[in-house]
């Protein structure tokens, strides 16, 4: 018999397939449907619908916890971005982040302006209040989210 997490994942994936690739669900309603706690829904979404797996997730608090899940449409440039996201890991230095961004500009995946904005967002100057190694972990999360937003 399938685990509850697998059943919830399959249900959400089926909803996404039956739409244009984007769904909005309420955490509490889904928890009631599957007779589980809302944290079980959070667990499934957090582990099965991550950026590394090609999903962009927005979570809004209040009103039962509205969650928007969007399947990323992969194009040729998207394949390159998804490969980068998947291979990046959970931590990245400023130097490595800047090298990735330079490559994106060189391969016309992003504009120079987008690259400048991304460099500013992941710079040590901005993240200086965050101690190491958390700084590099937050930088990786920022990079992944910015890259996923380019795919949406």
N, C-alpha and C. Protein backbone atom coordinates (compact mmCIF):
# COMPACT_ATOMS: atom_id res chain seq x y z
N UNK A 1 0.84 -1.18 0.00
CA UNK A 1 0.00 0.00 0.00
C UNK A 1 0.89 1.25 0.00
N UNK A 2 0.49 2.22 -0.76
CA UNK A 2 1.26 3.47 -0.88
C UNK A 2 1.19 4.27 0.41
N UNK A 3 2.29 4.98 0.68
CA UNK A 3 2.30 5.86 1.85
C UNK A 3 1.45 7.08 1.57
N UNK A 4 0.98 7.68 2.64
CA UNK A 4 0.12 8.86 2.51
C UNK A 4 0.82 9.97 1.72
N UNK A 5 2.12 10.16 1.96
CA UNK A 5 2.87 11.19 1.24
C UNK A 5 2.83 10.95 -0.27
N UNK A 6 2.95 9.67 -0.68
CA UNK A 6 2.91 9.33 -2.10
C UNK A 6 1.52 9.61 -2.68
N UNK A 7 0.49 9.32 -1.92
CA UNK A 7 -0.88 9.54 -2.39
C UNK A 7 -1.15 11.04 -2.56
N UNK A 8 -0.70 11.83 -1.59
CA UNK A 8 -0.88 13.28 -1.68
C UNK A 8 -0.11 13.84 -2.86
N UNK A 9 1.12 13.37 -3.04
CA UNK A 9 1.94 13.82 -4.18
C UNK A 9 1.25 13.50 -5.50
N UNK A 10 0.77 12.28 -5.65
CA UNK A 10 0.09 11.88 -6.88
C UNK A 10 -1.15 12.72 -7.13
N UNK A 11 -1.90 13.01 -6.08
CA UNK A 11 -3.10 13.83 -6.21
C UNK A 11 -2.74 15.23 -6.72
N UNK A 12 -1.73 15.84 -6.12
CA UNK A 12 -1.32 17.19 -6.52
C UNK A 12 -0.80 17.18 -7.96
N UNK A 13 0.00 16.19 -8.31
CA UNK A 13 0.52 16.10 -9.69
C UNK A 13 -0.62 15.95 -10.69
N UNK A 14 -1.62 15.18 -10.33
CA UNK A 14 -2.77 15.01 -11.23
C UNK A 14 -3.51 16.33 -11.41
N UNK A 15 -3.65 17.11 -10.33
CA UNK A 15 -4.27 18.43 -10.45
C UNK A 15 -3.47 19.32 -11.40
N UNK A 16 -2.16 19.28 -11.30
CA UNK A 16 -1.30 20.10 -12.15
C UNK A 16 -1.43 19.67 -13.61
N UNK A 17 -1.46 18.37 -13.84
CA UNK A 17 -1.59 17.84 -15.21
C UNK A 17 -2.92 18.27 -15.83
N UNK A 18 -3.98 18.29 -15.02
CA UNK A 18 -5.31 18.62 -15.52
C UNK A 18 -5.55 20.11 -15.70
N UNK A 19 -4.56 20.94 -15.38
CA UNK A 19 -4.66 22.39 -15.56
C UNK A 19 -3.58 22.83 -16.53
N UNK A 20 -3.36 24.12 -16.56
CA UNK A 20 -2.32 24.67 -17.43
C UNK A 20 -0.93 24.58 -16.80
N UNK A 21 -0.78 23.79 -15.75
CA UNK A 21 0.51 23.65 -15.09
C UNK A 21 0.62 24.44 -13.81
N UNK A 22 -0.46 25.13 -13.44
CA UNK A 22 -0.47 25.92 -12.21
C UNK A 22 -1.72 25.61 -11.41
N UNK A 23 -1.54 25.38 -10.11
CA UNK A 23 -2.69 25.17 -9.24
C UNK A 23 -2.54 26.04 -8.00
N UNK A 24 -3.67 26.34 -7.40
CA UNK A 24 -3.69 26.99 -6.08
C UNK A 24 -4.53 26.11 -5.19
N UNK A 25 -3.94 25.71 -4.08
CA UNK A 25 -4.64 24.83 -3.15
C UNK A 25 -4.60 25.44 -1.76
N UNK A 26 -5.50 24.97 -0.92
CA UNK A 26 -5.52 25.40 0.47
C UNK A 26 -5.02 24.22 1.30
N UNK A 27 -4.00 24.49 2.08
CA UNK A 27 -3.35 23.48 2.90
C UNK A 27 -4.38 22.77 3.81
N UNK A 28 -5.24 23.55 4.47
CA UNK A 28 -6.21 22.95 5.40
C UNK A 28 -7.23 22.07 4.68
N UNK A 29 -7.70 22.52 3.53
CA UNK A 29 -8.67 21.72 2.77
C UNK A 29 -8.07 20.40 2.32
N UNK A 30 -6.81 20.45 1.89
CA UNK A 30 -6.13 19.23 1.46
C UNK A 30 -5.91 18.30 2.66
N UNK A 31 -5.57 18.87 3.81
CA UNK A 31 -5.38 18.07 5.02
C UNK A 31 -6.68 17.37 5.41
N UNK A 32 -7.80 18.07 5.29
CA UNK A 32 -9.10 17.46 5.60
C UNK A 32 -9.41 16.33 4.62
N UNK A 33 -9.14 16.58 3.34
CA UNK A 33 -9.41 15.57 2.31
C UNK A 33 -8.65 14.27 2.58
N UNK A 34 -7.41 14.39 3.06
CA UNK A 34 -6.58 13.21 3.29
C UNK A 34 -6.51 12.81 4.76
N UNK A 35 -7.34 13.46 5.59
CA UNK A 35 -7.42 13.13 7.01
C UNK A 35 -6.03 13.11 7.65
N UNK A 36 -5.32 14.23 7.48
CA UNK A 36 -3.98 14.36 8.05
C UNK A 36 -3.81 15.78 8.59
N UNK A 37 -2.68 16.03 9.19
CA UNK A 37 -2.40 17.37 9.70
C UNK A 37 -1.82 18.23 8.58
N UNK A 38 -2.03 19.56 8.63
CA UNK A 38 -1.49 20.44 7.59
C UNK A 38 0.03 20.33 7.42
N UNK A 39 0.74 19.99 8.50
CA UNK A 39 2.19 19.86 8.37
C UNK A 39 2.57 18.71 7.43
N UNK A 40 1.71 17.70 7.30
CA UNK A 40 1.95 16.60 6.35
C UNK A 40 1.90 17.15 4.91
N UNK A 41 0.98 18.05 4.66
CA UNK A 41 0.88 18.69 3.35
C UNK A 41 2.14 19.53 3.11
N UNK A 42 2.58 20.28 4.12
CA UNK A 42 3.82 21.06 4.00
C UNK A 42 5.00 20.16 3.66
N UNK A 43 5.08 19.02 4.33
CA UNK A 43 6.17 18.08 4.10
C UNK A 43 6.18 17.61 2.64
N UNK A 44 5.02 17.21 2.15
CA UNK A 44 4.93 16.71 0.76
C UNK A 44 5.33 17.81 -0.22
N UNK A 45 4.80 19.00 -0.02
CA UNK A 45 5.12 20.10 -0.94
C UNK A 45 6.60 20.46 -0.86
N UNK A 46 7.13 20.50 0.35
CA UNK A 46 8.54 20.87 0.53
C UNK A 46 9.52 19.86 -0.03
N UNK A 47 9.16 18.58 0.00
CA UNK A 47 10.10 17.55 -0.46
C UNK A 47 9.83 17.06 -1.88
N UNK A 48 8.61 17.14 -2.33
CA UNK A 48 8.28 16.56 -3.65
C UNK A 48 8.06 17.61 -4.73
N UNK A 49 7.94 18.87 -4.34
CA UNK A 49 7.66 19.94 -5.30
C UNK A 49 8.69 21.07 -5.12
N UNK A 50 9.95 20.70 -5.10
CA UNK A 50 11.03 21.66 -4.88
C UNK A 50 11.49 22.27 -6.21
N UNK A 51 12.30 23.31 -6.10
CA UNK A 51 12.84 23.94 -7.31
C UNK A 51 13.71 22.96 -8.09
N UNK A 52 14.44 22.11 -7.38
CA UNK A 52 15.29 21.13 -8.05
C UNK A 52 14.49 20.15 -8.88
N UNK A 53 13.23 19.97 -8.55
CA UNK A 53 12.37 19.03 -9.26
C UNK A 53 11.49 19.72 -10.29
N UNK A 54 11.73 21.01 -10.51
CA UNK A 54 11.04 21.72 -11.58
C UNK A 54 9.75 22.40 -11.20
N UNK A 55 9.58 22.71 -9.92
CA UNK A 55 8.36 23.37 -9.47
C UNK A 55 8.70 24.70 -8.81
N UNK A 56 7.82 25.65 -9.00
CA UNK A 56 7.92 26.95 -8.35
C UNK A 56 6.76 27.03 -7.37
N UNK A 57 7.07 27.19 -6.09
CA UNK A 57 6.03 27.17 -5.05
C UNK A 57 6.00 28.51 -4.34
N UNK A 58 4.80 29.06 -4.23
CA UNK A 58 4.55 30.27 -3.44
C UNK A 58 3.58 29.90 -2.34
N UNK A 59 3.92 30.28 -1.12
CA UNK A 59 3.06 29.97 0.01
C UNK A 59 2.60 31.26 0.66
N UNK A 60 1.31 31.33 0.92
CA UNK A 60 0.74 32.51 1.57
C UNK A 60 0.10 32.07 2.88
N UNK A 61 0.39 32.81 3.91
CA UNK A 61 -0.16 32.49 5.24
C UNK A 61 -1.57 33.05 5.37
N UNK A 62 -2.29 32.49 6.32
CA UNK A 62 -3.64 32.97 6.61
C UNK A 62 -4.67 32.35 5.69
N UNK A 63 -5.89 32.33 6.13
CA UNK A 63 -6.99 31.81 5.31
C UNK A 63 -6.84 30.36 4.95
N UNK A 64 -6.23 29.57 5.80
CA UNK A 64 -6.07 28.14 5.52
C UNK A 64 -4.78 27.81 4.82
N UNK A 65 -3.94 28.78 4.58
CA UNK A 65 -2.64 28.51 3.96
C UNK A 65 -2.74 28.24 2.48
N UNK A 66 -2.93 29.27 1.71
CA UNK A 66 -3.03 29.16 0.26
C UNK A 66 -1.65 28.89 -0.34
N UNK A 67 -1.55 27.89 -1.21
CA UNK A 67 -0.28 27.52 -1.82
C UNK A 67 -0.47 27.47 -3.33
N UNK A 68 0.43 28.15 -4.04
CA UNK A 68 0.42 28.12 -5.50
C UNK A 68 1.61 27.27 -5.93
N UNK A 69 1.34 26.26 -6.75
CA UNK A 69 2.39 25.38 -7.27
C UNK A 69 2.34 25.47 -8.79
N UNK A 70 3.50 25.75 -9.37
CA UNK A 70 3.57 25.90 -10.81
C UNK A 70 4.68 25.00 -11.35
N UNK A 71 4.33 24.18 -12.33
CA UNK A 71 5.30 23.33 -13.01
C UNK A 71 6.03 24.20 -14.01
N UNK A 72 7.35 24.16 -13.98
CA UNK A 72 8.16 25.00 -14.86
C UNK A 72 8.17 24.41 -16.25
N UNK A 73 7.96 25.27 -17.25
CA UNK A 73 8.00 24.88 -18.65
C UNK A 73 9.45 24.92 -19.12
N UNK A 74 10.01 23.78 -19.45
CA UNK A 74 11.42 23.69 -19.80
C UNK A 74 11.61 23.86 -21.30
N UNK A 75 12.45 24.84 -21.66
CA UNK A 75 12.88 25.04 -23.04
C UNK A 75 14.36 24.71 -23.11
N UNK A 76 15.00 24.97 -24.24
CA UNK A 76 16.44 24.71 -24.35
C UNK A 76 17.21 25.48 -23.27
N UNK A 77 16.92 26.78 -23.15
CA UNK A 77 17.56 27.57 -22.10
C UNK A 77 17.13 27.06 -20.73
N UNK A 78 15.90 26.63 -20.64
CA UNK A 78 15.39 26.09 -19.38
C UNK A 78 16.13 24.85 -18.94
N UNK A 79 16.50 24.00 -19.92
CA UNK A 79 17.28 22.81 -19.59
C UNK A 79 18.60 23.20 -18.94
N UNK A 80 19.23 24.21 -19.49
CA UNK A 80 20.51 24.70 -18.94
C UNK A 80 20.30 25.24 -17.53
N UNK A 81 19.25 26.02 -17.33
CA UNK A 81 18.97 26.56 -16.01
C UNK A 81 18.62 25.46 -15.02
N UNK A 82 17.80 24.49 -15.42
CA UNK A 82 17.44 23.40 -14.51
C UNK A 82 18.66 22.56 -14.16
N UNK A 83 19.54 22.34 -15.12
CA UNK A 83 20.77 21.61 -14.83
C UNK A 83 21.59 22.37 -13.78
N UNK A 84 21.68 23.68 -13.94
CA UNK A 84 22.42 24.50 -12.99
C UNK A 84 21.79 24.43 -11.61
N UNK A 85 20.48 24.55 -11.55
CA UNK A 85 19.76 24.49 -10.27
C UNK A 85 20.01 23.13 -9.60
N UNK A 86 19.90 22.06 -10.37
CA UNK A 86 20.05 20.72 -9.81
C UNK A 86 21.47 20.45 -9.33
N UNK A 87 22.45 21.00 -10.01
CA UNK A 87 23.84 20.72 -9.67
C UNK A 87 24.44 21.70 -8.66
N UNK A 88 23.72 22.76 -8.34
CA UNK A 88 24.25 23.82 -7.49
C UNK A 88 24.51 23.36 -6.06
N UNK A 89 23.69 22.50 -5.53
CA UNK A 89 23.85 22.10 -4.14
C UNK A 89 23.18 23.09 -3.20
N UNK A 90 23.43 22.92 -1.92
CA UNK A 90 22.76 23.74 -0.92
C UNK A 90 23.58 24.94 -0.48
N UNK A 91 24.76 25.10 -1.03
CA UNK A 91 25.64 26.18 -0.61
C UNK A 91 26.46 26.64 -1.81
N UNK A 92 26.67 27.95 -1.93
CA UNK A 92 27.45 28.47 -3.06
C UNK A 92 28.15 29.76 -2.63
N UNK A 93 29.39 29.91 -3.04
CA UNK A 93 30.15 31.12 -2.70
C UNK A 93 29.77 32.26 -3.63
N UNK A 94 30.11 33.47 -3.23
CA UNK A 94 29.85 34.63 -4.08
C UNK A 94 30.58 34.49 -5.41
N UNK A 95 31.81 34.04 -5.36
CA UNK A 95 32.62 33.89 -6.58
C UNK A 95 31.97 32.90 -7.55
N UNK A 96 31.51 31.79 -7.03
CA UNK A 96 30.87 30.78 -7.89
C UNK A 96 29.54 31.31 -8.44
N UNK A 97 28.77 31.98 -7.61
CA UNK A 97 27.50 32.56 -8.06
C UNK A 97 27.74 33.55 -9.18
N UNK A 98 28.75 34.40 -9.03
CA UNK A 98 29.07 35.38 -10.07
C UNK A 98 29.53 34.69 -11.35
N UNK A 99 30.25 33.58 -11.23
CA UNK A 99 30.68 32.83 -12.42
C UNK A 99 29.47 32.26 -13.16
N UNK A 100 28.51 31.70 -12.42
CA UNK A 100 27.28 31.20 -13.03
C UNK A 100 26.56 32.34 -13.78
N UNK A 101 26.42 33.46 -13.11
CA UNK A 101 25.70 34.60 -13.70
C UNK A 101 26.40 35.08 -14.96
N UNK A 102 27.72 35.15 -14.94
CA UNK A 102 28.49 35.55 -16.12
C UNK A 102 28.23 34.59 -17.27
N UNK A 103 28.20 33.29 -16.98
CA UNK A 103 27.91 32.30 -18.03
C UNK A 103 26.50 32.49 -18.59
N UNK A 104 25.54 32.77 -17.72
CA UNK A 104 24.17 32.99 -18.20
C UNK A 104 24.12 34.18 -19.15
N UNK A 105 24.85 35.23 -18.84
CA UNK A 105 24.91 36.41 -19.71
C UNK A 105 25.59 36.04 -21.03
N UNK A 106 26.74 35.36 -20.94
CA UNK A 106 27.50 34.99 -22.14
C UNK A 106 26.70 34.11 -23.09
N UNK A 107 25.85 33.23 -22.53
CA UNK A 107 25.05 32.33 -23.37
C UNK A 107 23.67 32.91 -23.69
N UNK A 108 23.47 34.20 -23.41
CA UNK A 108 22.21 34.89 -23.69
C UNK A 108 21.00 34.24 -23.02
N UNK A 109 21.22 33.65 -21.86
CA UNK A 109 20.12 33.09 -21.08
C UNK A 109 19.43 34.21 -20.31
N UNK A 110 20.23 35.19 -19.86
CA UNK A 110 19.70 36.36 -19.17
C UNK A 110 20.35 37.60 -19.78
N UNK A 111 19.71 38.74 -19.57
CA UNK A 111 20.26 40.00 -20.07
C UNK A 111 21.34 40.50 -19.12
N UNK A 112 22.12 41.45 -19.57
CA UNK A 112 23.14 42.06 -18.72
C UNK A 112 22.48 42.69 -17.50
N UNK A 113 21.36 43.36 -17.72
CA UNK A 113 20.64 44.01 -16.61
C UNK A 113 20.18 42.98 -15.58
N UNK A 114 19.61 41.87 -16.04
CA UNK A 114 19.20 40.81 -15.13
C UNK A 114 20.41 40.28 -14.35
N UNK A 115 21.52 40.12 -15.05
CA UNK A 115 22.74 39.65 -14.40
C UNK A 115 23.22 40.59 -13.31
N UNK A 116 23.15 41.89 -13.58
CA UNK A 116 23.57 42.87 -12.57
C UNK A 116 22.67 42.81 -11.33
N UNK A 117 21.38 42.64 -11.56
CA UNK A 117 20.44 42.52 -10.44
C UNK A 117 20.72 41.26 -9.64
N UNK A 118 20.95 40.15 -10.34
CA UNK A 118 21.25 38.90 -9.66
C UNK A 118 22.55 38.99 -8.86
N UNK A 119 23.58 39.60 -9.45
CA UNK A 119 24.86 39.76 -8.74
C UNK A 119 24.67 40.57 -7.46
N UNK A 120 23.88 41.63 -7.56
CA UNK A 120 23.64 42.47 -6.39
C UNK A 120 22.91 41.67 -5.30
N UNK A 121 21.96 40.86 -5.70
CA UNK A 121 21.16 40.11 -4.72
C UNK A 121 21.97 39.05 -3.98
N UNK A 122 23.00 38.50 -4.60
CA UNK A 122 23.76 37.41 -3.97
C UNK A 122 25.14 37.86 -3.47
N UNK A 123 25.37 39.14 -3.47
CA UNK A 123 26.69 39.64 -3.06
C UNK A 123 26.91 39.54 -1.56
N UNK A 124 28.18 39.41 -1.18
CA UNK A 124 28.54 39.40 0.24
C UNK A 124 28.15 40.71 0.91
N UNK A 125 28.14 41.79 0.15
CA UNK A 125 27.77 43.09 0.70
C UNK A 125 26.35 43.05 1.25
N UNK A 126 25.45 42.43 0.53
CA UNK A 126 24.05 42.33 0.95
C UNK A 126 23.90 41.30 2.07
N UNK A 127 24.64 40.21 2.00
CA UNK A 127 24.46 39.09 2.93
C UNK A 127 25.41 39.16 4.13
N UNK A 128 26.11 40.26 4.30
CA UNK A 128 27.16 40.35 5.33
C UNK A 128 26.64 40.16 6.76
N UNK A 129 25.38 40.46 7.01
CA UNK A 129 24.83 40.30 8.36
C UNK A 129 24.59 38.84 8.71
N UNK A 130 24.66 37.97 7.73
CA UNK A 130 24.40 36.55 7.94
C UNK A 130 25.74 35.84 8.13
N UNK A 131 25.92 35.09 9.21
CA UNK A 131 27.19 34.41 9.46
C UNK A 131 27.42 33.25 8.49
N UNK A 132 28.71 32.91 8.29
CA UNK A 132 29.06 31.71 7.53
C UNK A 132 28.71 30.50 8.38
N UNK A 133 28.33 29.36 7.88
CA UNK A 133 28.12 28.98 6.49
C UNK A 133 26.72 29.32 5.99
N UNK A 134 25.89 29.89 6.88
CA UNK A 134 24.51 30.21 6.48
C UNK A 134 24.46 31.16 5.29
N UNK A 135 25.44 32.03 5.18
CA UNK A 135 25.47 33.01 4.09
C UNK A 135 25.47 32.30 2.74
N UNK A 136 26.33 31.28 2.61
CA UNK A 136 26.41 30.56 1.33
C UNK A 136 25.16 29.71 1.07
N UNK A 137 24.52 29.25 2.14
CA UNK A 137 23.28 28.49 1.98
C UNK A 137 22.15 29.40 1.51
N UNK A 138 22.07 30.58 2.08
CA UNK A 138 21.04 31.54 1.67
C UNK A 138 21.30 32.01 0.25
N UNK A 139 22.58 32.21 -0.09
CA UNK A 139 22.94 32.62 -1.45
C UNK A 139 22.47 31.56 -2.46
N UNK A 140 22.67 30.28 -2.14
CA UNK A 140 22.23 29.20 -3.03
C UNK A 140 20.71 29.21 -3.19
N UNK A 141 20.00 29.40 -2.08
CA UNK A 141 18.53 29.45 -2.15
C UNK A 141 18.08 30.64 -2.99
N UNK A 142 18.72 31.80 -2.81
CA UNK A 142 18.39 32.98 -3.61
C UNK A 142 18.63 32.71 -5.10
N UNK A 143 19.78 32.15 -5.41
CA UNK A 143 20.10 31.85 -6.82
C UNK A 143 19.06 30.92 -7.43
N UNK A 144 18.76 29.84 -6.71
CA UNK A 144 17.79 28.87 -7.23
C UNK A 144 16.43 29.51 -7.47
N UNK A 145 15.98 30.33 -6.54
CA UNK A 145 14.68 30.98 -6.71
C UNK A 145 14.68 31.97 -7.85
N UNK A 146 15.77 32.72 -8.02
CA UNK A 146 15.85 33.65 -9.15
C UNK A 146 15.84 32.90 -10.47
N UNK A 147 16.58 31.79 -10.54
CA UNK A 147 16.62 31.01 -11.77
C UNK A 147 15.26 30.38 -12.07
N UNK A 148 14.60 29.90 -11.02
CA UNK A 148 13.26 29.32 -11.24
C UNK A 148 12.28 30.37 -11.75
N UNK A 149 12.41 31.60 -11.26
CA UNK A 149 11.50 32.66 -11.71
C UNK A 149 11.70 32.96 -13.19
N UNK A 150 12.91 32.71 -13.70
CA UNK A 150 13.16 32.89 -15.14
C UNK A 150 12.48 31.81 -15.97
N UNK A 151 12.19 30.69 -15.35
CA UNK A 151 11.57 29.57 -16.06
C UNK A 151 10.05 29.62 -16.05
N UNK A 152 9.49 30.41 -15.14
CA UNK A 152 8.03 30.46 -14.98
C UNK A 152 7.41 31.28 -16.09
